[in-house]
Amino acid sequence: MSWISNSVMGRKAVAQGQTGARHHLSEEDQGEFHYVYGPYAEPVLRIAPGDVVEVETLDAFGGVIKTEDDLPSQKLNMPFVNPQNGPIAVQGAEKGDVLAVHIHSVLPRGPQPAGTTALIPSFGALVADANMYLNPATPERVKKMQVTEDGVIFSDRVTLPYEPFIGTMGISPEIEAVSSLQPDYWGGNMDLPDVAPGAVVYFPVQRDEAHFFVGDCHGRQGDGELCGVAVEIPAAVVLQIDLIKGWSIPGVRLETEEFIMSVGSARPMEDAARLAYRDLVRWLVEDYAFEESEAYFLATQAGKMRVGNMVDPKYTLGASMLKTYID
């Protein structure tokens, strides 16, 4: 029996982990991609809880950087990066519900080399803010890589494991229109490597039908996304989307077979860590029958912290707890 049957999705969701109809959202069907999360775009697809959606995503650059000679400063039209598929409307979703998204697979698509990373002037975790300092900008450079299920060919010397995940996905805020470069309680550009095949990600619904967005897939990324650009890939993504009634959460949560995780996005980084750990403690109290001080002790002694991104308008961190300690 799959662990999904004992997950929050399997126990509480409308479809309880059972798969419904299958849909395909191709690049052509998507048509106009979105650079804003918000309630003002018309859905490109309506699904029922439990349905499975195959989505063809673009890379974070919209596919315009095709060679190592195509520099971001010459090819990109900022802030139109991080193109998003959707919105996908989920029947029956209402404010106060939770959208559960089970990631089945993330596979590279399109011609090789499918992976792109870049050093972009005045962007990244090890550069000074371009608006505040006189230091020279980082030299601009693009690196293209072969990306397959067998690995990411970083160079003749180094081949890295293919460890794909979705850099940006989430639900529409209730009233705001926010850049797809921004992470927060709605999800968005978290760049968190645990948002990967096998995981279930939970989002607090803010409006009728939820309006789900997804894009910005990565072939892999180290903790922090240090230079601000992972191994960006166009991808074929398979997602199962379900709906949970009567479970109120303040922000993004994540579950795998091995652990649960609460996600915090904020600046400074310690505030993101505090948001994540506070919600993890409260989750242990609400759903795992811990008294608050015991949950606080346990998070102190056994909690783990994952750095998603440390370059976006808000940083993203995930606080996790192994299920062996709480089940």
C-alpha atoms as a PDB file:
ATOM      1  CA  MET A   1       0.000   0.000   0.000  1.00  0.00           C
ATOM      2  CA  SER A   2       1.309   3.460  -0.927  1.00  0.00           C
ATOM      3  CA  TRP A   3       2.169   5.899   1.869  1.00  0.00           C
ATOM      4  CA  ILE A   4      -0.246   8.316   0.199  1.00  0.00           C
ATOM      5  CA  SER A   5      -3.192   6.491   1.758  1.00  0.00           C
ATOM      6  CA  ASN A   6      -1.886   7.537   5.213  1.00  0.00           C
ATOM      7  CA  SER A   7      -0.907  11.056   4.168  1.00  0.00           C
ATOM      8  CA  VAL A   8      -2.984  14.116   5.016  1.00  0.00           C
ATOM      9  CA  MET A   9      -4.195  14.056   1.416  1.00  0.00           C
ATOM     10  CA  GLY A  10      -5.120  10.388   1.595  1.00  0.00           C
ATOM     11  CA  ARG A  11      -6.973  10.764   4.905  1.00  0.00           C
ATOM     12  CA  LYS A  12      -8.649  14.165   4.506  1.00  0.00           C
ATOM     13  CA  ALA A  13      -8.986  15.094   0.844  1.00  0.00           C
ATOM     14  CA  VAL A  14     -12.154  14.839  -1.200  1.00  0.00           C
ATOM     15  CA  ALA A  15     -10.757  12.129  -3.502  1.00  0.00           C
ATOM     16  CA  GLN A  16      -8.630  10.607  -0.683  1.00  0.00           C
ATOM     17  CA  GLY A  17      -5.695   9.993  -2.979  1.00  0.00           C
ATOM     18  CA  GLN A  18      -7.738   8.255  -5.680  1.00  0.00           C
ATOM     19  CA  THR A  19      -6.989   9.415  -9.212  1.00  0.00           C
ATOM     20  CA  GLY A  20      -9.705  10.996 -11.308  1.00  0.00           C
ATOM     21  CA  ALA A  21      -9.782  12.152 -14.907  1.00  0.00           C
ATOM     22  CA  ARG A  22      -6.577  12.929 -16.771  1.00  0.00           C
ATOM     23  CA  HIS A  23      -5.948  16.273 -18.479  1.00  0.00           C
ATOM     24  CA  HIS A  24      -3.175  17.583 -20.718  1.00  0.00           C
ATOM     25  CA  LEU A  25      -2.166  21.249 -20.668  1.00  0.00           C
ATOM     26  CA  SER A  26       0.253  21.670 -23.546  1.00  0.00           C
ATOM     27  CA  GLU A  27       2.324  24.727 -24.319  1.00  0.00           C
ATOM     28  CA  GLU A  28      -0.093  25.440 -27.182  1.00  0.00           C
ATOM     29  CA  ASP A  29      -3.177  24.991 -25.001  1.00  0.00           C
ATOM     30  CA  GLN A  30      -1.726  27.354 -22.405  1.00  0.00           C
ATOM     31  CA  GLY A  31      -1.291  30.120 -24.958  1.00  0.00           C
ATOM     32  CA  GLU A  32      -0.402  33.178 -22.900  1.00  0.00           C
ATOM     33  CA  PHE A  33       1.865  32.404 -19.958  1.00  0.00           C
ATOM     34  CA  HIS A  34       1.532  34.455 -16.771  1.00  0.00           C
ATOM     35  CA  TYR A  35       4.091  36.426 -14.782  1.00  0.00           C
ATOM     36  CA  VAL A  36       1.721  37.333 -11.962  1.00  0.00           C
ATOM     37  CA  TYR A  37      -0.159  35.273  -9.393  1.00  0.00           C
ATOM     38  CA  GLY A  38      -3.585  36.803  -8.846  1.00  0.00           C
ATOM     39  CA  PRO A  39      -7.355  36.405  -9.155  1.00  0.00           C
ATOM     40  CA  TYR A  40      -7.740  38.307 -12.435  1.00  0.00           C
ATOM     41  CA  ALA A  41      -6.705  35.785 -15.116  1.00  0.00           C
ATOM     42  CA  GLU A  42      -9.274  33.439 -16.629  1.00  0.00           C
ATOM     43  CA  PRO A  43      -8.629  29.723 -15.989  1.00  0.00           C
ATOM     44  CA  VAL A  44      -7.209  27.725 -18.868  1.00  0.00           C
ATOM     45  CA  LEU A  45      -8.521  24.477 -17.361  1.00  0.00           C
ATOM     46  CA  ARG A  46     -11.133  23.355 -14.839  1.00  0.00           C
ATOM     47  CA  ILE A  47     -10.673  20.071 -12.995  1.00  0.00           C
ATOM     48  CA  ALA A  48     -12.324  18.048 -10.249  1.00  0.00           C
ATOM     49  CA  PRO A  49     -10.554  17.073  -7.013  1.00  0.00           C
ATOM     50  CA  GLY A  50      -8.356  14.039  -7.616  1.00  0.00           C
ATOM     51  CA  ASP A  51      -7.780  14.759 -11.302  1.00  0.00           C
ATOM     52  CA  VAL A  52      -4.333  14.382 -12.827  1.00  0.00           C
ATOM     53  CA  VAL A  53      -2.866  17.129 -15.024  1.00  0.00           C
ATOM     54  CA  GLU A  54       0.074  16.810 -17.399  1.00  0.00           C
ATOM     55  CA  VAL A  55       1.603  20.266 -17.880  1.00  0.00           C
ATOM     56  CA  GLU A  56       4.212  21.455 -20.382  1.00  0.00           C
ATOM     57  CA  THR A  57       6.206  24.220 -18.677  1.00  0.00           C
ATOM     58  CA  LEU A  58       8.762  26.657 -20.053  1.00  0.00           C
ATOM     59  CA  ASP A  59      12.062  27.324 -18.325  1.00  0.00           C
ATOM     60  CA  ALA A  60      12.478  30.426 -16.145  1.00  0.00           C
ATOM     61  CA  PHE A  61      13.768  32.379 -19.156  1.00  0.00           C
ATOM     62  CA  GLY A  62      10.822  31.489 -21.372  1.00  0.00           C
ATOM     63  CA  GLY A  63      13.144  29.551 -23.674  1.00  0.00           C
ATOM     64  CA  VAL A  64      14.856  32.635 -25.138  1.00  0.00           C
ATOM     65  CA  ILE A  65      18.362  31.707 -23.945  1.00  0.00           C
ATOM     66  CA  LYS A  66      19.233  29.010 -26.468  1.00  0.00           C
ATOM     67  CA  THR A  67      23.052  29.166 -26.498  1.00  0.00           C
ATOM     68  CA  GLU A  68      25.850  30.317 -24.213  1.00  0.00           C
ATOM     69  CA  ASP A  69      26.135  33.450 -26.360  1.00  0.00           C
ATOM     70  CA  ASP A  70      22.551  34.514 -25.523  1.00  0.00           C
ATOM     71  CA  LEU A  71      23.144  36.750 -22.520  1.00  0.00           C
ATOM     72  CA  PRO A  72      20.229  37.487 -20.143  1.00  0.00           C
ATOM     73  CA  SER A  73      20.852  41.248 -20.312  1.00  0.00           C
ATOM     74  CA  GLN A  74      20.298  41.098 -24.071  1.00  0.00           C
ATOM     75  CA  LYS A  75      17.497  38.527 -24.267  1.00  0.00           C
ATOM     76  CA  LEU A  76      15.282  39.020 -21.214  1.00  0.00           C
ATOM     77  CA  ASN A  77      12.539  41.600 -20.809  1.00  0.00           C
ATOM     78  CA  MET A  78      12.517  42.074 -17.047  1.00  0.00           C
ATOM     79  CA  PRO A  79      10.362  41.500 -15.039  1.00  0.00           C
ATOM     80  CA  PHE A  80       8.789  39.069 -17.530  1.00  0.00           C
ATOM     81  CA  VAL A  81      10.579  35.938 -16.323  1.00  0.00           C
ATOM     82  CA  ASN A  82       9.387  32.815 -14.506  1.00  0.00           C
ATOM     83  CA  PRO A  83       6.463  32.128 -16.895  1.00  0.00           C
ATOM     84  CA  GLN A  84       3.613  30.245 -15.242  1.00  0.00           C
ATOM     85  CA  ASN A  85       1.078  27.773 -16.614  1.00  0.00           C
ATOM     86  CA  GLY A  86      -2.488  28.182 -15.435  1.00  0.00           C
ATOM     87  CA  PRO A  87      -4.476  29.225 -13.680  1.00  0.00           C
ATOM     88  CA  ILE A  88      -6.110  25.841 -13.189  1.00  0.00           C
ATOM     89  CA  ALA A  89      -9.491  26.079 -11.459  1.00  0.00           C
ATOM     90  CA  VAL A  90     -10.426  23.329  -8.992  1.00  0.00           C
ATOM     91  CA  GLN A  91     -14.135  22.683  -8.638  1.00  0.00           C
ATOM     92  CA  GLY A  92     -15.516  23.170  -5.125  1.00  0.00           C
ATOM     93  CA  ALA A  93     -12.472  24.972  -3.721  1.00  0.00           C
ATOM     94  CA  GLU A  94     -13.326  27.845  -1.371  1.00  0.00           C
ATOM     95  CA  LYS A  95     -11.407  30.226   0.845  1.00  0.00           C
ATOM     96  CA  GLY A  96     -10.370  28.342   3.982  1.00  0.00           C
ATOM     97  CA  ASP A  97      -9.847  25.039   2.173  1.00  0.00           C
ATOM     98  CA  VAL A  98      -6.478  23.494   1.338  1.00  0.00           C
ATOM     99  CA  LEU A  99      -5.271  22.489  -2.110  1.00  0.00           C
ATOM    100  CA  ALA A 100      -3.202  19.280  -2.068  1.00  0.00           C
ATOM    101  CA  VAL A 101      -0.813  18.786  -4.989  1.00  0.00           C
ATOM    102  CA  HIS A 102       0.897  15.412  -5.357  1.00  0.00           C
ATOM    103  CA  ILE A 103       3.889  15.701  -7.715  1.00  0.00           C
ATOM    104  CA  HIS A 104       4.100  12.512  -9.767  1.00  0.00           C
ATOM    105  CA  SER A 105       6.972  13.395 -12.109  1.00  0.00           C
ATOM    106  CA  VAL A 106       9.120  16.179 -13.574  1.00  0.00           C
ATOM    107  CA  LEU A 107      10.921  15.325 -16.822  1.00  0.00           C
ATOM    108  CA  PRO A 108      13.016  17.555 -19.106  1.00  0.00           C
ATOM    109  CA  ARG A 109      11.537  18.233 -22.519  1.00  0.00           C
ATOM    110  CA  GLY A 110      12.692  19.884 -25.722  1.00  0.00           C
ATOM    111  CA  PRO A 111      16.083  19.840 -27.452  1.00  0.00           C
ATOM    112  CA  GLN A 112      19.341  19.344 -25.600  1.00  0.00           C
ATOM    113  CA  PRO A 113      21.180  20.949 -23.924  1.00  0.00           C
ATOM    114  CA  ALA A 114      17.934  21.479 -21.980  1.00  0.00           C
ATOM    115  CA  GLY A 115      19.502  22.974 -18.841  1.00  0.00           C
ATOM    116  CA  THR A 116      20.472  26.620 -18.459  1.00  0.00           C
ATOM    117  CA  THR A 117      22.141  28.492 -15.631  1.00  0.00           C
ATOM    118  CA  ALA A 118      23.597  31.985 -15.610  1.00  0.00           C
ATOM    119  CA  LEU A 119      25.497  34.647 -13.752  1.00  0.00           C
ATOM    120  CA  ILE A 120      23.433  37.816 -14.066  1.00  0.00           C
ATOM    121  CA  PRO A 121      24.927  41.229 -13.225  1.00  0.00           C
ATOM    122  CA  SER A 122      23.942  42.529  -9.771  1.00  0.00           C
ATOM    123  CA  PHE A 123      21.936  39.362  -9.033  1.00  0.00           C
ATOM    124  CA  GLY A 124      22.683  36.500  -6.654  1.00  0.00           C
ATOM    125  CA  ALA A 125      23.504  35.833  -3.027  1.00  0.00           C
ATOM    126  CA  LEU A 126      27.175  36.840  -3.233  1.00  0.00           C
ATOM    127  CA  VAL A 127      26.787  40.217  -4.913  1.00  0.00           C
ATOM    128  CA  ALA A 128      26.096  43.613  -3.378  1.00  0.00           C
ATOM    129  CA  ASP A 129      22.787  45.341  -4.003  1.00  0.00           C
ATOM    130  CA  ALA A 130      23.158  47.235  -7.278  1.00  0.00           C
ATOM    131  CA  ASN A 131      21.123  50.131  -5.934  1.00  0.00           C
ATOM    132  CA  MET A 132      23.349  50.762  -2.914  1.00  0.00           C
ATOM    133  CA  TYR A 133      26.981  50.140  -3.830  1.00  0.00           C
ATOM    134  CA  LEU A 134      29.590  51.292  -6.341  1.00  0.00           C
ATOM    135  CA  ASN A 135      31.220  47.907  -6.821  1.00  0.00           C
ATOM    136  CA  PRO A 136      31.430  46.551 -10.388  1.00  0.00           C
ATOM    137  CA  ALA A 137      28.755  44.095 -11.486  1.00  0.00           C
ATOM    138  CA  THR A 138      29.385  40.352 -11.647  1.00  0.00           C
ATOM    139  CA  PRO A 139      30.641  39.331 -15.107  1.00  0.00           C
ATOM    140  CA  GLU A 140      27.717  37.953 -17.118  1.00  0.00           C
ATOM    141  CA  ARG A 141      27.888  34.339 -18.222  1.00  0.00           C
ATOM    142  CA  VAL A 142      25.551  31.591 -19.438  1.00  0.00           C
ATOM    143  CA  LYS A 143      26.161  27.865 -18.997  1.00  0.00           C
ATOM    144  CA  LYS A 144      24.183  25.246 -20.935  1.00  0.00           C
ATOM    145  CA  MET A 145      23.986  21.614 -19.775  1.00  0.00           C
ATOM    146  CA  GLN A 146      22.683  18.306 -21.021  1.00  0.00           C
ATOM    147  CA  VAL A 147      19.892  17.233 -18.648  1.00  0.00           C
ATOM    148  CA  THR A 148      18.384  13.744 -18.734  1.00  0.00           C
ATOM    149  CA  GLU A 149      17.130  11.261 -16.152  1.00  0.00           C
ATOM    150  CA  ASP A 150      20.678   9.846 -16.149  1.00  0.00           C
ATOM    151  CA  GLY A 151      22.198  13.070 -14.880  1.00  0.00           C
ATOM    152  CA  VAL A 152      23.136  16.698 -15.394  1.00  0.00           C
ATOM    153  CA  ILE A 153      26.382  17.022 -17.359  1.00  0.00           C
ATOM    154  CA  PHE A 154      27.872  20.022 -15.570  1.00  0.00           C
ATOM    155  CA  SER A 155      31.236  19.689 -17.328  1.00  0.00           C
ATOM    156  CA  ASP A 156      33.622  17.093 -18.726  1.00  0.00           C
ATOM    157  CA  ARG A 157      34.785  16.645 -15.142  1.00  0.00           C
ATOM    158  CA  VAL A 158      31.483  16.649 -13.234  1.00  0.00           C
ATOM    159  CA  THR A 159      28.158  14.895 -13.794  1.00  0.00           C
ATOM    160  CA  LEU A 160      25.526  15.664 -11.148  1.00  0.00           C
ATOM    161  CA  PRO A 161      22.496  13.543 -10.249  1.00  0.00           C
ATOM    162  CA  TYR A 162      19.206  14.499 -11.840  1.00  0.00           C
ATOM    163  CA  GLU A 163      17.169  15.705  -8.843  1.00  0.00           C
ATOM    164  CA  PRO A 164      14.260  17.615 -10.379  1.00  0.00           C
ATOM    165  CA  PHE A 165      11.783  19.827  -8.590  1.00  0.00           C
ATOM    166  CA  ILE A 166       9.312  22.625  -9.257  1.00  0.00           C
ATOM    167  CA  GLY A 167      10.738  26.040  -8.412  1.00  0.00           C
ATOM    168  CA  THR A 168       7.485  27.970  -8.559  1.00  0.00           C
ATOM    169  CA  MET A 169       3.927  26.841  -7.896  1.00  0.00           C
ATOM    170  CA  GLY A 170       1.015  27.934  -5.771  1.00  0.00           C
ATOM    171  CA  ILE A 171      -2.437  29.448  -5.625  1.00  0.00           C
ATOM    172  CA  SER A 172      -3.891  32.860  -6.312  1.00  0.00           C
ATOM    173  CA  PRO A 173      -4.014  35.357  -3.442  1.00  0.00           C
ATOM    174  CA  GLU A 174      -7.496  36.657  -2.660  1.00  0.00           C
ATOM    175  CA  ILE A 175      -7.011  40.190  -4.010  1.00  0.00           C
ATOM    176  CA  GLU A 176      -3.309  40.901  -4.644  1.00  0.00           C
ATOM    177  CA  ALA A 177      -1.562  40.512  -7.972  1.00  0.00           C
ATOM    178  CA  VAL A 178       1.999  39.420  -7.145  1.00  0.00           C
ATOM    179  CA  SER A 179       5.055  38.718  -9.273  1.00  0.00           C
ATOM    180  CA  SER A 180       5.854  35.093 -10.060  1.00  0.00           C
ATOM    181  CA  LEU A 181       9.322  35.893  -8.661  1.00  0.00           C
ATOM    182  CA  GLN A 182       7.853  36.364  -5.159  1.00  0.00           C
ATOM    183  CA  PRO A 183       7.244  33.588  -2.582  1.00  0.00           C
ATOM    184  CA  ASP A 184       4.896  33.828   0.419  1.00  0.00           C
ATOM    185  CA  TYR A 185       1.901  32.088   2.005  1.00  0.00           C
ATOM    186  CA  TRP A 186       0.457  31.348  -1.461  1.00  0.00           C
ATOM    187  CA  GLY A 187       3.584  29.445  -2.516  1.00  0.00           C
ATOM    188  CA  GLY A 188       5.118  31.070  -5.574  1.00  0.00           C
ATOM    189  CA  ASN A 189       8.848  31.224  -6.263  1.00  0.00           C
ATOM    190  CA  MET A 190      10.014  29.174  -3.286  1.00  0.00           C
ATOM    191  CA  ASP A 191      12.836  27.376  -5.143  1.00  0.00           C
ATOM    192  CA  LEU A 192      12.635  24.651  -2.487  1.00  0.00           C
ATOM    193  CA  PRO A 193      14.222  21.366  -3.673  1.00  0.00           C
ATOM    194  CA  ASP A 194      11.770  19.307  -1.583  1.00  0.00           C
ATOM    195  CA  VAL A 195       8.929  20.370  -3.929  1.00  0.00           C
ATOM    196  CA  ALA A 196       9.915  17.282  -5.892  1.00  0.00           C
ATOM    197  CA  PRO A 197       8.405  14.107  -7.361  1.00  0.00           C
ATOM    198  CA  GLY A 198       6.811  12.052  -4.604  1.00  0.00           C
ATOM    199  CA  ALA A 199       5.966  15.011  -2.371  1.00  0.00           C
ATOM    200  CA  VAL A 200       2.521  16.381  -1.592  1.00  0.00           C
ATOM    201  CA  VAL A 201       2.423  20.164  -1.232  1.00  0.00           C
ATOM    202  CA  TYR A 202      -0.434  21.877   0.626  1.00  0.00           C
ATOM    203  CA  PHE A 203      -1.595  25.442  -0.116  1.00  0.00           C
ATOM    204  CA  PRO A 204      -4.177  27.536   1.809  1.00  0.00           C
ATOM    205  CA  VAL A 205      -6.947  28.399  -0.672  1.00  0.00           C
ATOM    206  CA  GLN A 206      -7.694  32.132  -0.823  1.00  0.00           C
ATOM    207  CA  ARG A 207     -10.463  32.336  -3.441  1.00  0.00           C
ATOM    208  CA  ASP A 208     -13.172  30.263  -5.119  1.00  0.00           C
ATOM    209  CA  GLU A 209     -11.745  27.487  -7.323  1.00  0.00           C
ATOM    210  CA  ALA A 210      -8.248  28.163  -5.914  1.00  0.00           C
ATOM    211  CA  HIS A 211      -6.657  29.136  -9.276  1.00  0.00           C
ATOM    212  CA  PHE A 212      -3.432  27.099  -9.283  1.00  0.00           C
ATOM    213  CA  PHE A 213      -0.245  28.154 -11.130  1.00  0.00           C
ATOM    214  CA  VAL A 214       2.924  26.148 -11.911  1.00  0.00           C
ATOM    215  CA  GLY A 215       6.222  26.688 -13.737  1.00  0.00           C
ATOM    216  CA  ASP A 216       9.981  27.238 -13.335  1.00  0.00           C
ATOM    217  CA  CYS A 217      11.152  23.630 -13.119  1.00  0.00           C
ATOM    218  CA  HIS A 218      14.736  22.765 -12.189  1.00  0.00           C
ATOM    219  CA  GLY A 219      16.935  19.807 -13.083  1.00  0.00           C
ATOM    220  CA  ARG A 220      18.656  20.287  -9.741  1.00  0.00           C
ATOM    221  CA  GLN A 221      19.788  22.992  -7.310  1.00  0.00           C
ATOM    222  CA  GLY A 222      22.015  23.313  -4.286  1.00  0.00           C
ATOM    223  CA  ASP A 223      20.698  24.752  -1.021  1.00  0.00           C
ATOM    224  CA  GLY A 224      20.182  28.511  -1.337  1.00  0.00           C
ATOM    225  CA  GLU A 225      20.207  28.734  -5.166  1.00  0.00           C
ATOM    226  CA  LEU A 226      23.423  30.699  -4.611  1.00  0.00           C
ATOM    227  CA  CYS A 227      23.843  32.613  -7.870  1.00  0.00           C
ATOM    228  CA  GLY A 228      20.084  32.990  -8.219  1.00  0.00           C
ATOM    229  CA  VAL A 229      19.716  30.564 -11.141  1.00  0.00           C
ATOM    230  CA  ALA A 230      19.346  26.788 -10.800  1.00  0.00           C
ATOM    231  CA  VAL A 231      19.579  24.267 -13.649  1.00  0.00           C
ATOM    232  CA  GLU A 232      16.548  25.761 -15.373  1.00  0.00           C
ATOM    233  CA  ILE A 233      14.650  23.368 -17.660  1.00  0.00           C
ATOM    234  CA  PRO A 234      11.482  23.235 -19.716  1.00  0.00           C
ATOM    235  CA  ALA A 235       9.605  20.272 -18.324  1.00  0.00           C
ATOM    236  CA  ALA A 236       6.734  17.844 -18.649  1.00  0.00           C
ATOM    237  CA  VAL A 237       5.130  17.792 -15.199  1.00  0.00           C
ATOM    238  CA  VAL A 238       2.491  15.371 -13.924  1.00  0.00           C
ATOM    239  CA  LEU A 239       0.445  16.544 -10.926  1.00  0.00           C
ATOM    240  CA  GLN A 240      -2.497  15.092  -9.028  1.00  0.00           C
ATOM    241  CA  ILE A 241      -4.577  17.870  -7.479  1.00  0.00           C
ATOM    242  CA  ASP A 242      -6.993  17.271  -4.609  1.00  0.00           C
ATOM    243  CA  LEU A 243      -8.986  19.394  -2.181  1.00  0.00           C
ATOM    244  CA  ILE A 244      -9.166  19.278   1.626  1.00  0.00           C
ATOM    245  CA  LYS A 245     -12.153  20.720   3.467  1.00  0.00           C
ATOM    246  CA  GLY A 246     -11.983  21.711   7.129  1.00  0.00           C
ATOM    247  CA  TRP A 247      -8.211  21.972   7.448  1.00  0.00           C
ATOM    248  CA  SER A 248      -7.034  25.549   7.872  1.00  0.00           C
ATOM    249  CA  ILE A 249      -3.311  26.278   7.429  1.00  0.00           C
ATOM    250  CA  PRO A 250      -1.511  29.657   7.440  1.00  0.00           C
ATOM    251  CA  GLY A 251       0.923  28.934   4.629  1.00  0.00           C
ATOM    252  CA  VAL A 252       2.576  26.216   2.588  1.00  0.00           C
ATOM    253  CA  ARG A 253       3.113  22.776   4.064  1.00  0.00           C
ATOM    254  CA  LEU A 254       4.743  19.735   2.487  1.00  0.00           C
ATOM    255  CA  GLU A 255       4.714  16.018   3.134  1.00  0.00           C
ATOM    256  CA  THR A 256       6.780  13.079   1.907  1.00  0.00           C
ATOM    257  CA  GLU A 257       6.923   9.447   2.950  1.00  0.00           C
ATOM    258  CA  GLU A 258       9.711  10.322   5.408  1.00  0.00           C
ATOM    259  CA  PHE A 259       8.883  13.773   6.829  1.00  0.00           C
ATOM    260  CA  ILE A 260       6.534  16.715   7.185  1.00  0.00           C
ATOM    261  CA  MET A 261       7.690  20.272   6.452  1.00  0.00           C
ATOM    262  CA  SER A 262       6.414  23.798   7.076  1.00  0.00           C
ATOM    263  CA  VAL A 263       7.586  26.529   4.709  1.00  0.00           C
ATOM    264  CA  GLY A 264       8.360  30.146   5.618  1.00  0.00           C
ATOM    265  CA  SER A 265       9.162  32.976   3.191  1.00  0.00           C
ATOM    266  CA  ALA A 266      10.429  36.323   4.495  1.00  0.00           C
ATOM    267  CA  ARG A 267      13.391  38.656   4.868  1.00  0.00           C
ATOM    268  CA  PRO A 268      15.614  38.601   6.838  1.00  0.00           C
ATOM    269  CA  MET A 269      16.361  34.899   6.645  1.00  0.00           C
ATOM    270  CA  GLU A 270      15.887  34.355  10.390  1.00  0.00           C
ATOM    271  CA  ASP A 271      12.280  35.520  10.037  1.00  0.00           C
ATOM    272  CA  ALA A 272      11.703  32.888   7.343  1.00  0.00           C
ATOM    273  CA  ALA A 273      13.176  30.305   9.714  1.00  0.00           C
ATOM    274  CA  ARG A 274      10.956  31.490  12.569  1.00  0.00           C
ATOM    275  CA  LEU A 275       7.818  31.372  10.403  1.00  0.00           C
ATOM    276  CA  ALA A 276       8.650  27.835   9.282  1.00  0.00           C
ATOM    277  CA  TYR A 277       9.488  26.498  12.751  1.00  0.00           C
ATOM    278  CA  ARG A 278       6.496  28.221  14.379  1.00  0.00           C
ATOM    279  CA  ASP A 279       4.142  26.541  11.937  1.00  0.00           C
ATOM    280  CA  LEU A 280       5.894  23.189  12.356  1.00  0.00           C
ATOM    281  CA  VAL A 281       5.415  23.401  16.143  1.00  0.00           C
ATOM    282  CA  ARG A 282       1.757  24.284  15.704  1.00  0.00           C
ATOM    283  CA  TRP A 283       1.277  21.460  13.194  1.00  0.00           C
ATOM    284  CA  LEU A 284       2.712  18.985  15.725  1.00  0.00           C
ATOM    285  CA  VAL A 285       0.229  20.296  18.307  1.00  0.00           C
ATOM    286  CA  GLU A 286      -2.806  20.367  16.012  1.00  0.00           C
ATOM    287  CA  ASP A 287      -2.449  17.059  14.188  1.00  0.00           C
ATOM    288  CA  TYR A 288       0.027  14.927  16.147  1.00  0.00           C
ATOM    289  CA  ALA A 289      -1.220  15.344  19.732  1.00  0.00           C
ATOM    290  CA  PHE A 290       1.874  17.096  21.122  1.00  0.00           C
ATOM    291  CA  GLU A 291       1.629  19.640  23.914  1.00  0.00           C
ATOM    292  CA  GLU A 292       3.154  22.914  22.699  1.00  0.00           C
ATOM    293  CA  SER A 293       6.219  22.931  24.953  1.00  0.00           C
ATOM    294  CA  GLU A 294       6.955  19.301  24.015  1.00  0.00           C
ATOM    295  CA  ALA A 295       6.630  20.173  20.299  1.00  0.00           C
ATOM    296  CA  TYR A 296       8.987  23.127  20.834  1.00  0.00           C
ATOM    297  CA  PHE A 297      11.502  20.843  22.569  1.00  0.00           C
ATOM    298  CA  LEU A 298      11.212  18.249  19.784  1.00  0.00           C
ATOM    299  CA  ALA A 299      11.691  20.819  17.027  1.00  0.00           C
ATOM    300  CA  THR A 300      14.766  22.071  18.873  1.00  0.00           C
ATOM    301  CA  GLN A 301      16.335  18.634  19.177  1.00  0.00           C
ATOM    302  CA  ALA A 302      15.204  16.922  15.960  1.00  0.00           C
ATOM    303  CA  GLY A 303      14.016  19.598  13.525  1.00  0.00           C
ATOM    304  CA  LYS A 304      15.887  20.195  10.283  1.00  0.00           C
ATOM    305  CA  MET A 305      16.051  23.342   8.178  1.00  0.00           C
ATOM    306  CA  ARG A 306      16.282  23.418   4.379  1.00  0.00           C
ATOM    307  CA  VAL A 307      17.285  26.616   2.576  1.00  0.00           C
ATOM    308  CA  GLY A 308      15.293  27.023  -0.603  1.00  0.00           C
ATOM    309  CA  ASN A 309      16.326  30.363  -2.050  1.00  0.00           C
ATOM    310  CA  MET A 310      18.399  33.171  -0.563  1.00  0.00           C
ATOM    311  CA  VAL A 311      18.156  35.563  -3.524  1.00  0.00           C
ATOM    312  CA  ASP A 312      14.471  36.239  -4.262  1.00  0.00           C
ATOM    313  CA  PRO A 313      12.483  39.221  -2.919  1.00  0.00           C
ATOM    314  CA  LYS A 314      11.759  36.952   0.079  1.00  0.00           C
ATOM    315  CA  TYR A 315      13.920  34.045   1.202  1.00  0.00           C
ATOM    316  CA  THR A 316      12.335  30.597   1.590  1.00  0.00           C
ATOM    317  CA  LEU A 317      13.188  28.040   4.278  1.00  0.00           C
ATOM    318  CA  GLY A 318      11.545  24.736   5.180  1.00  0.00           C
ATOM    319  CA  ALA A 319      11.441  23.315   8.727  1.00  0.00           C
ATOM    320  CA  SER A 320      10.934  19.541   8.794  1.00  0.00           C
ATOM    321  CA  MET A 321      10.387  16.665  11.205  1.00  0.00           C
ATOM    322  CA  LEU A 322      10.907  12.957  10.495  1.00  0.00           C
ATOM    323  CA  LYS A 323       7.703  10.936  10.710  1.00  0.00           C
ATOM    324  CA  THR A 324       9.478   8.238  12.723  1.00  0.00           C
ATOM    325  CA  TYR A 325       9.409  10.633  15.695  1.00  0.00           C
ATOM    326  CA  ILE A 326       5.757  11.634  15.475  1.00  0.00           C
ATOM    327  CA  ASP A 327       3.668   8.779  14.037  1.00  0.00           C
END
